């Protein structure tokens, strides 16, 4: 196993450890999703189409994609949804989501874009689950996906930030400690300048 992958695993553990327990995706959530896998997989085509229709209809997100790459991206999303619905949603899966933060740096997928895209999926799932299941079951499954989304978003967004800062430190020959100190100093100045606007 490479040092980079070990670093990624440590990052995943650290980020998940920062999430309050009530917000974290659990083994029980994974079991519940697995129990409904056939229903969830039956929505795959519509979710994938709706997801990319949403991204391609918005200028800033559509600019991320290269000409002709939509079929490949749809296939990747369909494979991801297969893994979510059928499992396993385990440490290796969350390592993958931490890796996605690194991919997003290169693809210039900003965190608001990622969070908004997940919002589309969560909204669609909420409507479909409510229509397909009895109220108690629907509530439990919707809550499981809410915790999934919190964990998913935390890993990708924080991985993006950490990897970005690490790359800046490495490429400029700075230490992460020095870079953090410089950031804190600059942010402190910004706070002092902006804070009066909120009094």
N, C-alpha and C. Protein backbone atom coordinates (compact mmCIF):
# COMPACT_ATOMS: atom_id res chain seq x y z
N UNK A 1 0.85 -1.19 0.00
CA UNK A 1 0.00 0.00 0.00
C UNK A 1 0.89 1.25 0.00
N UNK A 2 0.60 2.21 -0.86
CA UNK A 2 1.45 3.39 -0.99
C UNK A 2 1.29 4.33 0.19
N UNK A 3 2.30 5.16 0.41
CA UNK A 3 2.24 6.17 1.47
C UNK A 3 1.09 7.14 1.21
N UNK A 4 0.84 7.45 -0.05
CA UNK A 4 -0.25 8.37 -0.38
C UNK A 4 -1.60 7.79 0.02
N UNK A 5 -1.77 6.48 -0.20
CA UNK A 5 -3.05 5.88 0.17
C UNK A 5 -3.20 5.79 1.69
N UNK A 6 -2.11 5.52 2.39
CA UNK A 6 -2.15 5.52 3.84
C UNK A 6 -2.51 6.91 4.37
N UNK A 7 -1.96 7.93 3.73
CA UNK A 7 -2.30 9.31 4.10
C UNK A 7 -3.78 9.59 3.87
N UNK A 8 -4.31 9.10 2.75
CA UNK A 8 -5.73 9.26 2.44
C UNK A 8 -6.60 8.59 3.51
N UNK A 9 -6.21 7.39 3.91
CA UNK A 9 -6.96 6.68 4.95
C UNK A 9 -6.94 7.44 6.27
N UNK A 10 -5.78 7.95 6.62
CA UNK A 10 -5.68 8.74 7.86
C UNK A 10 -6.54 9.99 7.78
N UNK A 11 -6.56 10.60 6.61
CA UNK A 11 -7.40 11.79 6.41
C UNK A 11 -8.87 11.43 6.58
N UNK A 12 -9.28 10.30 6.01
CA UNK A 12 -10.67 9.86 6.14
C UNK A 12 -11.05 9.67 7.61
N UNK A 13 -10.15 9.01 8.36
CA UNK A 13 -10.42 8.77 9.78
C UNK A 13 -10.54 10.10 10.54
N UNK A 14 -9.64 11.02 10.25
CA UNK A 14 -9.64 12.31 10.94
C UNK A 14 -10.91 13.11 10.64
N UNK A 15 -11.28 13.16 9.37
CA UNK A 15 -12.47 13.93 8.99
C UNK A 15 -13.73 13.32 9.59
N UNK A 16 -13.86 12.00 9.49
CA UNK A 16 -15.04 11.35 10.08
C UNK A 16 -15.08 11.56 11.58
N UNK A 17 -13.90 11.57 12.21
CA UNK A 17 -13.84 11.77 13.65
C UNK A 17 -14.29 13.16 14.08
N UNK A 18 -14.26 14.12 13.17
CA UNK A 18 -14.69 15.48 13.48
C UNK A 18 -16.21 15.64 13.38
N UNK A 19 -16.87 14.69 12.72
CA UNK A 19 -18.33 14.75 12.61
C UNK A 19 -18.98 14.36 13.94
N UNK A 20 -19.93 15.13 14.45
CA UNK A 20 -20.65 14.69 15.65
C UNK A 20 -21.30 13.32 15.40
N UNK A 21 -21.29 12.44 16.39
CA UNK A 21 -21.83 11.10 16.20
C UNK A 21 -23.23 11.06 15.61
N UNK A 22 -24.10 11.99 16.01
CA UNK A 22 -25.48 11.98 15.51
C UNK A 22 -25.55 12.26 14.01
N UNK A 23 -24.49 12.86 13.46
CA UNK A 23 -24.49 13.19 12.03
C UNK A 23 -23.82 12.10 11.20
N UNK A 24 -23.15 11.15 11.85
CA UNK A 24 -22.37 10.16 11.11
C UNK A 24 -23.24 9.02 10.58
N UNK A 25 -22.91 8.60 9.39
CA UNK A 25 -23.52 7.42 8.79
C UNK A 25 -23.10 6.19 9.59
N UNK A 26 -24.05 5.29 9.83
CA UNK A 26 -23.79 4.13 10.69
C UNK A 26 -23.95 2.82 9.93
N UNK A 27 -23.50 1.74 10.57
CA UNK A 27 -23.69 0.41 10.01
C UNK A 27 -25.18 0.09 9.87
N UNK A 28 -25.99 0.56 10.81
CA UNK A 28 -27.44 0.35 10.72
C UNK A 28 -28.02 1.07 9.51
N UNK A 29 -27.51 2.26 9.21
CA UNK A 29 -27.95 2.99 8.01
C UNK A 29 -27.61 2.20 6.76
N UNK A 30 -26.39 1.64 6.72
CA UNK A 30 -25.97 0.85 5.56
C UNK A 30 -26.86 -0.38 5.39
N UNK A 31 -27.20 -1.03 6.49
CA UNK A 31 -28.08 -2.20 6.44
C UNK A 31 -29.45 -1.81 5.91
N UNK A 32 -29.97 -0.69 6.39
CA UNK A 32 -31.29 -0.23 5.95
C UNK A 32 -31.30 0.07 4.46
N UNK A 33 -30.28 0.75 3.98
CA UNK A 33 -30.19 1.04 2.54
C UNK A 33 -30.11 -0.26 1.75
N UNK A 34 -29.31 -1.19 2.23
CA UNK A 34 -29.18 -2.48 1.55
C UNK A 34 -30.49 -3.24 1.46
N UNK A 35 -31.33 -3.10 2.48
CA UNK A 35 -32.63 -3.78 2.48
C UNK A 35 -33.57 -3.22 1.41
N UNK A 36 -33.28 -2.01 0.95
CA UNK A 36 -34.11 -1.37 -0.08
C UNK A 36 -33.37 -1.24 -1.41
N UNK A 37 -32.32 -2.03 -1.58
CA UNK A 37 -31.44 -1.85 -2.74
C UNK A 37 -32.17 -1.99 -4.07
N UNK A 38 -33.07 -2.95 -4.18
CA UNK A 38 -33.76 -3.15 -5.46
C UNK A 38 -34.61 -1.93 -5.83
N UNK A 39 -35.30 -1.38 -4.85
CA UNK A 39 -36.09 -0.17 -5.09
C UNK A 39 -35.17 0.98 -5.50
N UNK A 40 -34.09 1.16 -4.77
CA UNK A 40 -33.16 2.26 -5.07
C UNK A 40 -32.52 2.10 -6.44
N UNK A 41 -32.14 0.89 -6.79
CA UNK A 41 -31.53 0.65 -8.10
C UNK A 41 -32.51 0.85 -9.24
N UNK A 42 -33.79 0.67 -8.97
CA UNK A 42 -34.79 0.87 -10.03
C UNK A 42 -34.89 2.34 -10.44
N UNK A 43 -34.37 3.23 -9.62
CA UNK A 43 -34.39 4.66 -9.93
C UNK A 43 -33.10 5.14 -10.58
N UNK A 44 -32.17 4.26 -10.81
CA UNK A 44 -30.82 4.65 -11.24
C UNK A 44 -30.83 5.51 -12.49
N UNK A 45 -31.47 5.05 -13.55
CA UNK A 45 -31.43 5.78 -14.83
C UNK A 45 -31.99 7.19 -14.68
N UNK A 46 -33.11 7.32 -13.97
CA UNK A 46 -33.73 8.64 -13.82
C UNK A 46 -32.88 9.57 -12.96
N UNK A 47 -32.27 9.00 -11.91
CA UNK A 47 -31.39 9.82 -11.06
C UNK A 47 -30.18 10.31 -11.84
N UNK A 48 -29.57 9.42 -12.60
CA UNK A 48 -28.38 9.78 -13.37
C UNK A 48 -28.72 10.84 -14.41
N UNK A 49 -29.82 10.64 -15.14
CA UNK A 49 -30.21 11.62 -16.16
C UNK A 49 -30.55 12.97 -15.54
N UNK A 50 -31.32 12.94 -14.45
CA UNK A 50 -31.70 14.19 -13.79
C UNK A 50 -30.49 14.91 -13.22
N UNK A 51 -29.56 14.16 -12.67
CA UNK A 51 -28.34 14.73 -12.09
C UNK A 51 -27.57 15.50 -13.15
N UNK A 52 -27.31 14.86 -14.28
CA UNK A 52 -26.51 15.53 -15.30
C UNK A 52 -27.30 16.57 -16.08
N UNK A 53 -28.61 16.40 -16.20
CA UNK A 53 -29.42 17.47 -16.78
C UNK A 53 -29.29 18.74 -15.95
N UNK A 54 -29.29 18.57 -14.63
CA UNK A 54 -29.16 19.70 -13.72
C UNK A 54 -27.80 20.38 -13.86
N UNK A 55 -26.74 19.57 -13.92
CA UNK A 55 -25.40 20.16 -14.02
C UNK A 55 -25.16 20.81 -15.37
N UNK A 56 -25.64 20.19 -16.44
CA UNK A 56 -25.43 20.74 -17.78
C UNK A 56 -26.30 21.97 -18.04
N UNK A 57 -27.36 22.15 -17.27
CA UNK A 57 -28.25 23.30 -17.46
C UNK A 57 -27.73 24.56 -16.76
N UNK A 58 -26.65 24.42 -15.97
CA UNK A 58 -26.12 25.54 -15.20
C UNK A 58 -24.73 25.89 -15.71
N UNK A 59 -24.54 27.13 -16.11
CA UNK A 59 -23.29 27.56 -16.73
C UNK A 59 -22.02 27.14 -15.99
N UNK A 60 -21.87 27.52 -14.72
CA UNK A 60 -20.62 27.20 -14.01
C UNK A 60 -20.35 25.70 -13.90
N UNK A 61 -21.39 24.88 -13.74
CA UNK A 61 -21.14 23.44 -13.65
C UNK A 61 -20.98 22.81 -15.03
N UNK A 62 -21.67 23.32 -16.02
CA UNK A 62 -21.53 22.73 -17.36
C UNK A 62 -20.13 22.96 -17.92
N UNK A 63 -19.47 24.07 -17.49
CA UNK A 63 -18.13 24.39 -17.98
C UNK A 63 -17.06 23.40 -17.52
N UNK A 64 -17.37 22.62 -16.49
CA UNK A 64 -16.41 21.65 -15.97
C UNK A 64 -16.17 20.52 -16.98
N UNK A 65 -17.21 20.21 -17.74
CA UNK A 65 -17.17 19.01 -18.58
C UNK A 65 -16.55 19.29 -19.94
N UNK A 66 -15.84 18.29 -20.43
CA UNK A 66 -15.28 18.36 -21.77
C UNK A 66 -16.32 17.87 -22.76
N UNK A 67 -16.16 18.31 -23.98
CA UNK A 67 -17.12 17.92 -25.01
C UNK A 67 -17.13 16.39 -25.18
N UNK A 68 -18.32 15.82 -25.17
CA UNK A 68 -18.48 14.40 -25.42
C UNK A 68 -18.24 13.48 -24.25
N UNK A 69 -17.98 14.02 -23.05
CA UNK A 69 -17.66 13.13 -21.94
C UNK A 69 -18.88 12.73 -21.10
N UNK A 70 -20.07 13.26 -21.42
CA UNK A 70 -21.22 12.95 -20.58
C UNK A 70 -21.49 11.44 -20.44
N UNK A 71 -21.45 10.64 -21.52
CA UNK A 71 -21.72 9.21 -21.33
C UNK A 71 -20.79 8.55 -20.32
N UNK A 72 -19.52 8.91 -20.34
CA UNK A 72 -18.56 8.33 -19.40
C UNK A 72 -18.88 8.76 -17.97
N UNK A 73 -19.25 10.04 -17.79
CA UNK A 73 -19.57 10.52 -16.45
C UNK A 73 -20.87 9.87 -15.95
N UNK A 74 -21.82 9.66 -16.84
CA UNK A 74 -23.06 8.99 -16.44
C UNK A 74 -22.78 7.55 -16.00
N UNK A 75 -21.89 6.89 -16.70
CA UNK A 75 -21.55 5.52 -16.33
C UNK A 75 -20.89 5.47 -14.95
N UNK A 76 -20.00 6.45 -14.69
CA UNK A 76 -19.35 6.51 -13.39
C UNK A 76 -20.37 6.73 -12.28
N UNK A 77 -21.32 7.64 -12.52
CA UNK A 77 -22.34 7.91 -11.51
C UNK A 77 -23.23 6.69 -11.29
N UNK A 78 -23.59 6.00 -12.37
CA UNK A 78 -24.41 4.79 -12.25
C UNK A 78 -23.67 3.72 -11.43
N UNK A 79 -22.37 3.59 -11.63
CA UNK A 79 -21.57 2.62 -10.86
C UNK A 79 -21.51 3.03 -9.39
N UNK A 80 -21.38 4.34 -9.16
CA UNK A 80 -21.38 4.84 -7.78
C UNK A 80 -22.71 4.53 -7.11
N UNK A 81 -23.82 4.77 -7.82
CA UNK A 81 -25.14 4.52 -7.24
C UNK A 81 -25.34 3.04 -6.96
N UNK A 82 -24.82 2.18 -7.84
CA UNK A 82 -24.88 0.74 -7.63
C UNK A 82 -24.18 0.38 -6.30
N UNK A 83 -23.03 1.00 -6.06
CA UNK A 83 -22.28 0.73 -4.84
C UNK A 83 -23.04 1.26 -3.62
N UNK A 84 -23.63 2.45 -3.74
CA UNK A 84 -24.39 3.01 -2.62
C UNK A 84 -25.58 2.11 -2.28
N UNK A 85 -26.33 1.72 -3.29
CA UNK A 85 -27.56 0.97 -3.07
C UNK A 85 -27.30 -0.46 -2.64
N UNK A 86 -26.32 -1.11 -3.25
CA UNK A 86 -26.07 -2.53 -2.99
C UNK A 86 -24.93 -2.78 -2.01
N UNK A 87 -24.13 -1.75 -1.74
CA UNK A 87 -23.05 -1.88 -0.79
C UNK A 87 -21.82 -2.56 -1.37
N UNK A 88 -20.81 -2.72 -0.56
CA UNK A 88 -20.78 -2.28 0.83
C UNK A 88 -20.39 -0.80 0.98
N UNK A 89 -21.04 -0.14 1.92
CA UNK A 89 -20.64 1.22 2.29
C UNK A 89 -19.74 1.05 3.52
N UNK A 90 -18.47 0.87 3.25
CA UNK A 90 -17.50 0.55 4.28
C UNK A 90 -16.34 1.55 4.24
N UNK A 91 -15.28 1.27 4.97
CA UNK A 91 -14.14 2.19 5.00
C UNK A 91 -13.56 2.40 3.61
N UNK A 92 -13.52 1.33 2.80
CA UNK A 92 -12.98 1.47 1.45
C UNK A 92 -13.84 2.41 0.61
N UNK A 93 -15.15 2.36 0.81
CA UNK A 93 -16.04 3.29 0.12
C UNK A 93 -15.75 4.72 0.55
N UNK A 94 -15.60 4.94 1.86
CA UNK A 94 -15.35 6.30 2.34
C UNK A 94 -13.95 6.78 1.94
N UNK A 95 -12.99 5.85 1.81
CA UNK A 95 -11.69 6.24 1.24
C UNK A 95 -11.87 6.76 -0.18
N UNK A 96 -12.72 6.10 -0.93
CA UNK A 96 -13.03 6.52 -2.30
C UNK A 96 -13.60 7.93 -2.31
N UNK A 97 -14.53 8.22 -1.38
CA UNK A 97 -15.13 9.55 -1.33
C UNK A 97 -14.09 10.60 -0.92
N UNK A 98 -13.15 10.22 -0.06
CA UNK A 98 -12.06 11.13 0.29
C UNK A 98 -11.18 11.40 -0.92
N UNK A 99 -10.95 10.38 -1.72
CA UNK A 99 -10.20 10.51 -2.97
C UNK A 99 -10.92 11.44 -3.95
N UNK A 100 -12.26 11.41 -3.94
CA UNK A 100 -13.04 12.28 -4.84
C UNK A 100 -12.72 13.75 -4.56
N UNK A 101 -12.45 14.10 -3.29
CA UNK A 101 -12.05 15.47 -2.99
C UNK A 101 -10.80 15.87 -3.75
N UNK A 102 -9.86 14.94 -3.88
CA UNK A 102 -8.63 15.17 -4.64
C UNK A 102 -8.94 15.33 -6.13
N UNK A 103 -9.82 14.47 -6.65
CA UNK A 103 -10.23 14.55 -8.06
C UNK A 103 -10.89 15.90 -8.33
N UNK A 104 -11.70 16.37 -7.39
CA UNK A 104 -12.41 17.63 -7.59
C UNK A 104 -11.46 18.83 -7.69
N UNK A 105 -10.32 18.75 -7.01
CA UNK A 105 -9.33 19.82 -7.15
C UNK A 105 -8.88 19.91 -8.60
N UNK A 106 -8.54 18.76 -9.17
CA UNK A 106 -8.03 18.72 -10.55
C UNK A 106 -9.11 19.10 -11.56
N UNK A 107 -10.35 18.63 -11.30
CA UNK A 107 -11.44 18.92 -12.24
C UNK A 107 -12.07 20.30 -12.02
N UNK A 108 -11.63 21.00 -10.97
CA UNK A 108 -12.14 22.34 -10.63
C UNK A 108 -13.62 22.30 -10.27
N UNK A 109 -14.01 21.22 -9.60
CA UNK A 109 -15.36 21.11 -9.05
C UNK A 109 -15.34 21.76 -7.68
N UNK A 110 -15.95 22.92 -7.55
CA UNK A 110 -15.94 23.64 -6.29
C UNK A 110 -16.93 23.00 -5.31
N UNK A 111 -16.68 23.20 -4.02
CA UNK A 111 -17.54 22.58 -3.02
C UNK A 111 -19.01 22.98 -3.11
N UNK A 112 -19.35 24.24 -3.41
CA UNK A 112 -20.77 24.56 -3.58
C UNK A 112 -21.42 23.76 -4.72
N UNK A 113 -20.66 23.49 -5.76
CA UNK A 113 -21.18 22.68 -6.87
C UNK A 113 -21.46 21.25 -6.39
N UNK A 114 -20.51 20.69 -5.63
CA UNK A 114 -20.66 19.33 -5.13
C UNK A 114 -21.83 19.23 -4.17
N UNK A 115 -21.94 20.18 -3.25
CA UNK A 115 -23.02 20.16 -2.27
C UNK A 115 -24.37 20.35 -2.95
N UNK A 116 -24.42 21.24 -3.93
CA UNK A 116 -25.65 21.43 -4.69
C UNK A 116 -26.05 20.20 -5.47
N UNK A 117 -25.07 19.52 -6.05
CA UNK A 117 -25.35 18.30 -6.81
C UNK A 117 -25.89 17.22 -5.89
N UNK A 118 -25.29 17.08 -4.71
CA UNK A 118 -25.83 16.12 -3.75
C UNK A 118 -27.24 16.53 -3.33
N UNK A 119 -27.50 17.83 -3.21
CA UNK A 119 -28.83 18.30 -2.86
C UNK A 119 -29.88 17.84 -3.86
N UNK A 120 -29.51 17.80 -5.13
CA UNK A 120 -30.43 17.28 -6.14
C UNK A 120 -30.75 15.81 -5.86
N UNK A 121 -29.71 15.02 -5.62
CA UNK A 121 -29.91 13.58 -5.35
C UNK A 121 -30.77 13.39 -4.10
N UNK A 122 -30.44 14.09 -3.04
CA UNK A 122 -31.18 13.94 -1.79
C UNK A 122 -32.64 14.36 -1.95
N UNK A 123 -32.87 15.44 -2.69
CA UNK A 123 -34.25 15.88 -2.93
C UNK A 123 -35.05 14.86 -3.73
N UNK A 124 -34.44 14.33 -4.78
CA UNK A 124 -35.12 13.30 -5.59
C UNK A 124 -35.40 12.06 -4.77
N UNK A 125 -34.41 11.65 -3.99
CA UNK A 125 -34.61 10.46 -3.15
C UNK A 125 -35.73 10.68 -2.15
N UNK A 126 -35.75 11.85 -1.54
CA UNK A 126 -36.80 12.15 -0.56
C UNK A 126 -38.19 12.00 -1.15
N UNK A 127 -38.40 12.55 -2.34
CA UNK A 127 -39.72 12.46 -2.99
C UNK A 127 -40.07 11.02 -3.35
N UNK A 128 -39.11 10.30 -3.90
CA UNK A 128 -39.36 8.94 -4.36
C UNK A 128 -39.58 7.99 -3.18
N UNK A 129 -38.78 8.14 -2.15
CA UNK A 129 -38.93 7.28 -0.97
C UNK A 129 -40.28 7.50 -0.32
N UNK A 130 -40.67 8.75 -0.19
CA UNK A 130 -41.96 9.08 0.44
C UNK A 130 -43.12 8.49 -0.34
N UNK A 131 -42.99 8.48 -1.67
CA UNK A 131 -44.08 7.96 -2.51
C UNK A 131 -44.11 6.43 -2.52
N UNK A 132 -42.99 5.78 -2.25
CA UNK A 132 -42.89 4.33 -2.44
C UNK A 132 -43.07 3.52 -1.16
N UNK A 133 -42.85 4.14 0.00
CA UNK A 133 -42.81 3.38 1.25
C UNK A 133 -43.80 3.92 2.28
N UNK A 134 -44.21 3.06 3.22
CA UNK A 134 -45.03 3.55 4.35
C UNK A 134 -44.27 4.63 5.11
N UNK A 135 -45.01 5.48 5.79
CA UNK A 135 -44.43 6.69 6.40
C UNK A 135 -43.25 6.39 7.32
N UNK A 136 -43.38 5.40 8.20
CA UNK A 136 -42.29 5.11 9.15
C UNK A 136 -41.04 4.63 8.43
N UNK A 137 -41.23 3.74 7.46
CA UNK A 137 -40.09 3.24 6.68
C UNK A 137 -39.44 4.36 5.89
N UNK A 138 -40.29 5.20 5.29
CA UNK A 138 -39.78 6.31 4.48
C UNK A 138 -38.96 7.25 5.34
N UNK A 139 -39.44 7.55 6.53
CA UNK A 139 -38.73 8.45 7.43
C UNK A 139 -37.36 7.88 7.79
N UNK A 140 -37.33 6.59 8.15
CA UNK A 140 -36.07 5.97 8.55
C UNK A 140 -35.06 5.96 7.40
N UNK A 141 -35.51 5.64 6.19
CA UNK A 141 -34.59 5.59 5.06
C UNK A 141 -34.12 6.99 4.67
N UNK A 142 -35.01 7.96 4.75
CA UNK A 142 -34.64 9.35 4.44
C UNK A 142 -33.61 9.85 5.44
N UNK A 143 -33.77 9.51 6.71
CA UNK A 143 -32.80 9.90 7.73
C UNK A 143 -31.45 9.23 7.49
N UNK A 144 -31.47 7.97 7.05
CA UNK A 144 -30.21 7.28 6.74
C UNK A 144 -29.48 8.01 5.62
N UNK A 145 -30.21 8.43 4.59
CA UNK A 145 -29.57 9.15 3.49
C UNK A 145 -29.13 10.55 3.92
N UNK A 146 -29.83 11.15 4.88
CA UNK A 146 -29.39 12.45 5.38
C UNK A 146 -28.02 12.31 6.06
N UNK A 147 -27.84 11.25 6.86
CA UNK A 147 -26.54 11.02 7.50
C UNK A 147 -25.48 10.63 6.47
N UNK A 148 -25.90 9.87 5.46
CA UNK A 148 -24.98 9.55 4.36
C UNK A 148 -24.48 10.85 3.73
N UNK A 149 -25.39 11.77 3.45
CA UNK A 149 -25.03 13.03 2.81
C UNK A 149 -24.09 13.87 3.66
N UNK A 150 -24.32 13.90 4.97
CA UNK A 150 -23.44 14.67 5.85
C UNK A 150 -22.02 14.09 5.83
N UNK A 151 -21.93 12.77 5.90
CA UNK A 151 -20.62 12.12 5.89
C UNK A 151 -19.94 12.30 4.54
N UNK A 152 -20.69 12.07 3.49
CA UNK A 152 -20.21 12.21 2.10
C UNK A 152 -19.69 13.63 1.84
N UNK A 153 -20.51 14.63 2.19
CA UNK A 153 -20.12 16.02 1.95
C UNK A 153 -18.91 16.42 2.80
N UNK A 154 -18.87 15.98 4.05
CA UNK A 154 -17.75 16.33 4.92
C UNK A 154 -16.44 15.77 4.36
N UNK A 155 -16.46 14.53 3.93
CA UNK A 155 -15.24 13.90 3.43
C UNK A 155 -14.75 14.57 2.15
N UNK A 156 -15.64 14.80 1.22
CA UNK A 156 -15.22 15.38 -0.06
C UNK A 156 -14.77 16.83 0.12
N UNK A 157 -15.57 17.61 0.86
CA UNK A 157 -15.24 19.04 1.01
C UNK A 157 -13.95 19.25 1.79
N UNK A 158 -13.79 18.53 2.90
CA UNK A 158 -12.59 18.72 3.72
C UNK A 158 -11.36 18.15 3.02
N UNK A 159 -11.54 17.02 2.32
CA UNK A 159 -10.43 16.45 1.55
C UNK A 159 -9.97 17.45 0.49
N UNK A 160 -10.91 18.11 -0.16
CA UNK A 160 -10.59 19.13 -1.16
C UNK A 160 -9.69 20.20 -0.54
N UNK A 161 -10.12 20.73 0.61
CA UNK A 161 -9.37 21.82 1.25
C UNK A 161 -7.99 21.35 1.70
N UNK A 162 -7.95 20.20 2.36
CA UNK A 162 -6.66 19.70 2.87
C UNK A 162 -5.69 19.42 1.73
N UNK A 163 -6.17 18.71 0.70
CA UNK A 163 -5.29 18.40 -0.42
C UNK A 163 -4.81 19.67 -1.13
N UNK A 164 -5.70 20.64 -1.26
CA UNK A 164 -5.33 21.90 -1.92
C UNK A 164 -4.20 22.59 -1.15
N UNK A 165 -4.38 22.68 0.18
CA UNK A 165 -3.37 23.36 0.99
C UNK A 165 -2.07 22.57 1.03
N UNK A 166 -2.18 21.25 1.09
CA UNK A 166 -0.96 20.43 1.07
C UNK A 166 -0.20 20.60 -0.24
N UNK A 167 -0.92 20.69 -1.35
CA UNK A 167 -0.27 20.88 -2.64
C UNK A 167 0.41 22.24 -2.72
N UNK A 168 -0.23 23.27 -2.16
CA UNK A 168 0.38 24.61 -2.12
C UNK A 168 1.66 24.57 -1.29
N UNK A 169 1.58 23.94 -0.12
CA UNK A 169 2.76 23.85 0.76
C UNK A 169 3.90 23.10 0.07
N UNK A 170 3.57 21.97 -0.55
CA UNK A 170 4.59 21.14 -1.21
C UNK A 170 5.22 21.87 -2.39
N UNK A 171 4.39 22.51 -3.20
CA UNK A 171 4.90 23.13 -4.42
C UNK A 171 5.68 24.42 -4.15
N UNK A 172 5.44 25.05 -2.99
CA UNK A 172 6.17 26.28 -2.66
C UNK A 172 7.32 26.03 -1.68
N UNK A 173 7.46 24.79 -1.24
CA UNK A 173 8.51 24.48 -0.30
C UNK A 173 8.22 24.95 1.12
N UNK A 174 6.95 25.24 1.40
CA UNK A 174 6.57 25.68 2.73
C UNK A 174 6.13 24.48 3.57
N UNK A 175 6.21 24.61 4.86
CA UNK A 175 5.67 23.57 5.73
C UNK A 175 4.18 23.87 5.94
N UNK A 176 3.42 22.83 6.23
CA UNK A 176 1.99 23.03 6.47
C UNK A 176 1.77 23.89 7.72
N UNK A 177 2.69 23.79 8.68
CA UNK A 177 2.58 24.60 9.90
C UNK A 177 2.75 26.08 9.56
N UNK A 178 3.77 26.40 8.74
CA UNK A 178 3.98 27.79 8.33
C UNK A 178 2.81 28.30 7.51
N UNK A 179 2.33 27.48 6.60
CA UNK A 179 1.20 27.87 5.77
C UNK A 179 -0.03 28.15 6.63
N UNK A 180 -0.26 27.30 7.62
CA UNK A 180 -1.40 27.50 8.52
C UNK A 180 -1.25 28.81 9.29
N UNK A 181 -0.04 29.11 9.73
CA UNK A 181 0.21 30.35 10.47
C UNK A 181 -0.06 31.57 9.58
N UNK A 182 0.40 31.50 8.32
CA UNK A 182 0.17 32.60 7.39
C UNK A 182 -1.32 32.80 7.12
N UNK A 183 -2.03 31.69 6.96
CA UNK A 183 -3.48 31.76 6.72
C UNK A 183 -4.18 32.39 7.92
N UNK A 184 -3.82 31.96 9.13
CA UNK A 184 -4.46 32.49 10.33
C UNK A 184 -4.22 33.99 10.48
N UNK A 185 -3.01 34.42 10.14
CA UNK A 185 -2.70 35.86 10.21
C UNK A 185 -3.54 36.64 9.22
N UNK A 186 -3.61 36.14 7.99
CA UNK A 186 -4.37 36.85 6.95
C UNK A 186 -5.87 36.86 7.27
N UNK A 187 -6.39 35.73 7.73
CA UNK A 187 -7.80 35.65 8.07
C UNK A 187 -8.11 36.57 9.26
N UNK A 188 -7.19 36.64 10.21
CA UNK A 188 -7.39 37.55 11.35
C UNK A 188 -7.53 38.99 10.89
N UNK A 189 -6.71 39.40 9.92
CA UNK A 189 -6.81 40.76 9.37
C UNK A 189 -8.16 40.97 8.68
N UNK A 190 -8.57 39.98 7.90
CA UNK A 190 -9.87 40.08 7.22
C UNK A 190 -11.01 40.20 8.22
N UNK A 191 -10.95 39.40 9.29
CA UNK A 191 -12.01 39.45 10.30
C UNK A 191 -12.12 40.83 10.93
N UNK A 192 -10.98 41.41 11.26
CA UNK A 192 -10.99 42.72 11.90
C UNK A 192 -11.57 43.77 10.96
N UNK A 193 -11.30 43.63 9.66
CA UNK A 193 -11.80 44.61 8.69
C UNK A 193 -13.27 44.44 8.38
N UNK A 194 -13.76 43.22 8.44
CA UNK A 194 -15.16 42.96 8.03
C UNK A 194 -16.11 42.95 9.23
N UNK A 195 -15.61 42.59 10.41
CA UNK A 195 -16.45 42.44 11.59
C UNK A 195 -17.35 43.64 11.87
N UNK A 196 -16.89 44.89 11.70
CA UNK A 196 -17.77 46.03 11.98
C UNK A 196 -19.05 46.04 11.15
N UNK A 197 -19.05 45.38 10.00
CA UNK A 197 -20.27 45.35 9.15
C UNK A 197 -21.39 44.54 9.80
N UNK A 198 -21.07 43.72 10.79
CA UNK A 198 -22.07 42.83 11.38
C UNK A 198 -22.42 43.19 12.83
N UNK A 199 -22.08 44.41 13.20
CA UNK A 199 -22.43 44.86 14.55
C UNK A 199 -23.75 45.56 14.54
